[in-house]
Amino acid sequence: MGSMVTFSQRYRFSDWPNKAIPKVSAGVYAIWNEDGLFYCGMSGRDIEGAIASGKNRYGLITRLHSHASGRLSGRLHVGQQLGNLDGFSC
């Protein structure tokens, strides 16, 4: 039998920035276009190093900000690819 995957509440990029996202965190995220899965990613691989060095913004918050703003770093960023983020959430 297959199992049902449960996701957290969705947050619209059009409402960015979002105070509900922890300032320092590691995790996996999904980006949706309405009800269709658009992209999955992860961030915060070196969370222990970020905490040890005293970073106050690291991981999910910075990655999702990059997607929302369209900043490029050699990877797909939703805002840069699509422009209008009204139907997109993470």
C-alpha atoms as a PDB file:
ATOM      1  CA  MET A   1       0.000   0.000   0.000  1.00  0.00           C
ATOM      2  CA  GLY A   2       1.189   3.522  -0.766  1.00  0.00           C
ATOM      3  CA  SER A   3       1.328   6.159   1.917  1.00  0.00           C
ATOM      4  CA  MET A   4      -0.161   9.623   1.797  1.00  0.00           C
ATOM      5  CA  VAL A   5       2.360  12.465   1.982  1.00  0.00           C
ATOM      6  CA  THR A   6       1.341  15.388   4.163  1.00  0.00           C
ATOM      7  CA  PHE A   7       2.769  18.841   3.543  1.00  0.00           C
ATOM      8  CA  SER A   8       2.763  21.860   5.833  1.00  0.00           C
ATOM      9  CA  GLN A   9       0.615  24.904   5.260  1.00  0.00           C
ATOM     10  CA  ARG A  10       1.386  26.701   2.000  1.00  0.00           C
ATOM     11  CA  TYR A  11       2.679  30.262   1.975  1.00  0.00           C
ATOM     12  CA  ARG A  12       2.249  32.457  -1.097  1.00  0.00           C
ATOM     13  CA  PHE A  13       5.335  34.068  -2.608  1.00  0.00           C
ATOM     14  CA  SER A  14       3.192  37.131  -3.277  1.00  0.00           C
ATOM     15  CA  ASP A  15       3.043  37.566   0.536  1.00  0.00           C
ATOM     16  CA  TRP A  16       6.828  37.435   0.904  1.00  0.00           C
ATOM     17  CA  PRO A  17       8.587  37.854   3.286  1.00  0.00           C
ATOM     18  CA  ASN A  18       6.980  35.344   5.613  1.00  0.00           C
ATOM     19  CA  LYS A  19       7.593  35.586   9.367  1.00  0.00           C
ATOM     20  CA  ALA A  20       6.422  31.972   9.894  1.00  0.00           C
ATOM     21  CA  ILE A  21       9.610  30.586   8.317  1.00  0.00           C
ATOM     22  CA  PRO A  22      12.384  30.146  10.910  1.00  0.00           C
ATOM     23  CA  LYS A  23      15.380  32.458  10.446  1.00  0.00           C
ATOM     24  CA  VAL A  24      17.845  29.558  10.788  1.00  0.00           C
ATOM     25  CA  SER A  25      16.631  26.148   9.655  1.00  0.00           C
ATOM     26  CA  ALA A  26      17.401  23.199   7.426  1.00  0.00           C
ATOM     27  CA  GLY A  27      14.772  21.341   5.489  1.00  0.00           C
ATOM     28  CA  VAL A  28      13.079  20.257   2.319  1.00  0.00           C
ATOM     29  CA  TYR A  29      10.553  22.483   0.557  1.00  0.00           C
ATOM     30  CA  ALA A  30       8.095  22.177  -2.295  1.00  0.00           C
ATOM     31  CA  ILE A  31       6.951  24.936  -4.630  1.00  0.00           C
ATOM     32  CA  TRP A  32       3.446  24.628  -6.012  1.00  0.00           C
ATOM     33  CA  ASN A  33       1.657  26.276  -8.925  1.00  0.00           C
ATOM     34  CA  GLU A  34      -1.908  26.170  -7.661  1.00  0.00           C
ATOM     35  CA  ASP A  35      -2.348  22.393  -6.999  1.00  0.00           C
ATOM     36  CA  GLY A  36       0.500  21.174  -9.222  1.00  0.00           C
ATOM     37  CA  LEU A  37       3.953  20.443  -7.825  1.00  0.00           C
ATOM     38  CA  PHE A  38       6.435  22.719  -9.623  1.00  0.00           C
ATOM     39  CA  TYR A  39       9.766  22.210  -7.846  1.00  0.00           C
ATOM     40  CA  CYS A  40      11.304  20.517  -4.787  1.00  0.00           C
ATOM     41  CA  GLY A  41      14.505  21.550  -3.085  1.00  0.00           C
ATOM     42  CA  MET A  42      16.473  21.510   0.116  1.00  0.00           C
ATOM     43  CA  SER A  43      18.494  24.029   2.042  1.00  0.00           C
ATOM     44  CA  GLY A  44      20.592  24.268   5.170  1.00  0.00           C
ATOM     45  CA  ARG A  45      22.998  21.430   4.528  1.00  0.00           C
ATOM     46  CA  ASP A  46      25.648  22.920   6.881  1.00  0.00           C
ATOM     47  CA  ILE A  47      23.236  24.043   9.606  1.00  0.00           C
ATOM     48  CA  GLU A  48      25.666  23.187  12.425  1.00  0.00           C
ATOM     49  CA  GLY A  49      28.367  25.375  10.887  1.00  0.00           C
ATOM     50  CA  ALA A  50      25.917  28.240  10.391  1.00  0.00           C
ATOM     51  CA  ILE A  51      24.824  28.070  14.019  1.00  0.00           C
ATOM     52  CA  ALA A  52      28.419  27.808  15.267  1.00  0.00           C
ATOM     53  CA  SER A  53      29.442  30.876  13.239  1.00  0.00           C
ATOM     54  CA  GLY A  54      26.507  32.888  14.598  1.00  0.00           C
ATOM     55  CA  LYS A  55      24.582  33.368  11.352  1.00  0.00           C
ATOM     56  CA  ASN A  56      21.162  34.873  12.022  1.00  0.00           C
ATOM     57  CA  ARG A  57      19.656  33.980   8.611  1.00  0.00           C
ATOM     58  CA  TYR A  58      20.486  30.646   7.010  1.00  0.00           C
ATOM     59  CA  GLY A  59      18.865  27.754   5.183  1.00  0.00           C
ATOM     60  CA  LEU A  60      15.209  27.730   4.177  1.00  0.00           C
ATOM     61  CA  ILE A  61      14.649  31.466   4.709  1.00  0.00           C
ATOM     62  CA  THR A  62      17.526  32.463   2.418  1.00  0.00           C
ATOM     63  CA  ARG A  63      16.741  29.848  -0.243  1.00  0.00           C
ATOM     64  CA  LEU A  64      13.052  30.764  -0.425  1.00  0.00           C
ATOM     65  CA  HIS A  65      13.999  34.453  -0.518  1.00  0.00           C
ATOM     66  CA  SER A  66      16.230  33.727  -3.525  1.00  0.00           C
ATOM     67  CA  HIS A  67      13.370  31.954  -5.286  1.00  0.00           C
ATOM     68  CA  ALA A  68      10.930  34.760  -4.490  1.00  0.00           C
ATOM     69  CA  SER A  69      13.280  37.527  -5.667  1.00  0.00           C
ATOM     70  CA  GLY A  70      14.514  35.760  -8.807  1.00  0.00           C
ATOM     71  CA  ARG A  71      18.162  35.947  -7.790  1.00  0.00           C
ATOM     72  CA  LEU A  72      20.313  33.572  -9.855  1.00  0.00           C
ATOM     73  CA  SER A  73      23.033  31.255  -8.590  1.00  0.00           C
ATOM     74  CA  GLY A  74      23.193  28.649 -11.323  1.00  0.00           C
ATOM     75  CA  ARG A  75      19.942  26.985 -10.231  1.00  0.00           C
ATOM     76  CA  LEU A  76      16.288  27.449 -11.022  1.00  0.00           C
ATOM     77  CA  HIS A  77      14.649  30.363  -9.226  1.00  0.00           C
ATOM     78  CA  VAL A  78      10.898  30.572  -9.555  1.00  0.00           C
ATOM     79  CA  GLY A  79      10.630  34.365  -9.698  1.00  0.00           C
ATOM     80  CA  GLN A  80      13.197  34.659 -12.478  1.00  0.00           C
ATOM     81  CA  GLN A  81      11.629  31.899 -14.565  1.00  0.00           C
ATOM     82  CA  LEU A  82       8.009  32.957 -14.286  1.00  0.00           C
ATOM     83  CA  GLY A  83       7.859  36.602 -13.260  1.00  0.00           C
ATOM     84  CA  ASN A  84       4.321  36.655 -11.815  1.00  0.00           C
ATOM     85  CA  LEU A  85       4.181  34.612  -8.596  1.00  0.00           C
ATOM     86  CA  ASP A  86       0.504  35.142  -7.764  1.00  0.00           C
ATOM     87  CA  GLY A  87      -0.416  31.470  -8.129  1.00  0.00           C
ATOM     88  CA  PHE A  88       2.740  30.091  -6.527  1.00  0.00           C
ATOM     89  CA  SER A  89       3.198  29.002  -2.930  1.00  0.00           C
ATOM     90  CA  CYS A  90       5.788  27.151  -0.909  1.00  0.00           C
END
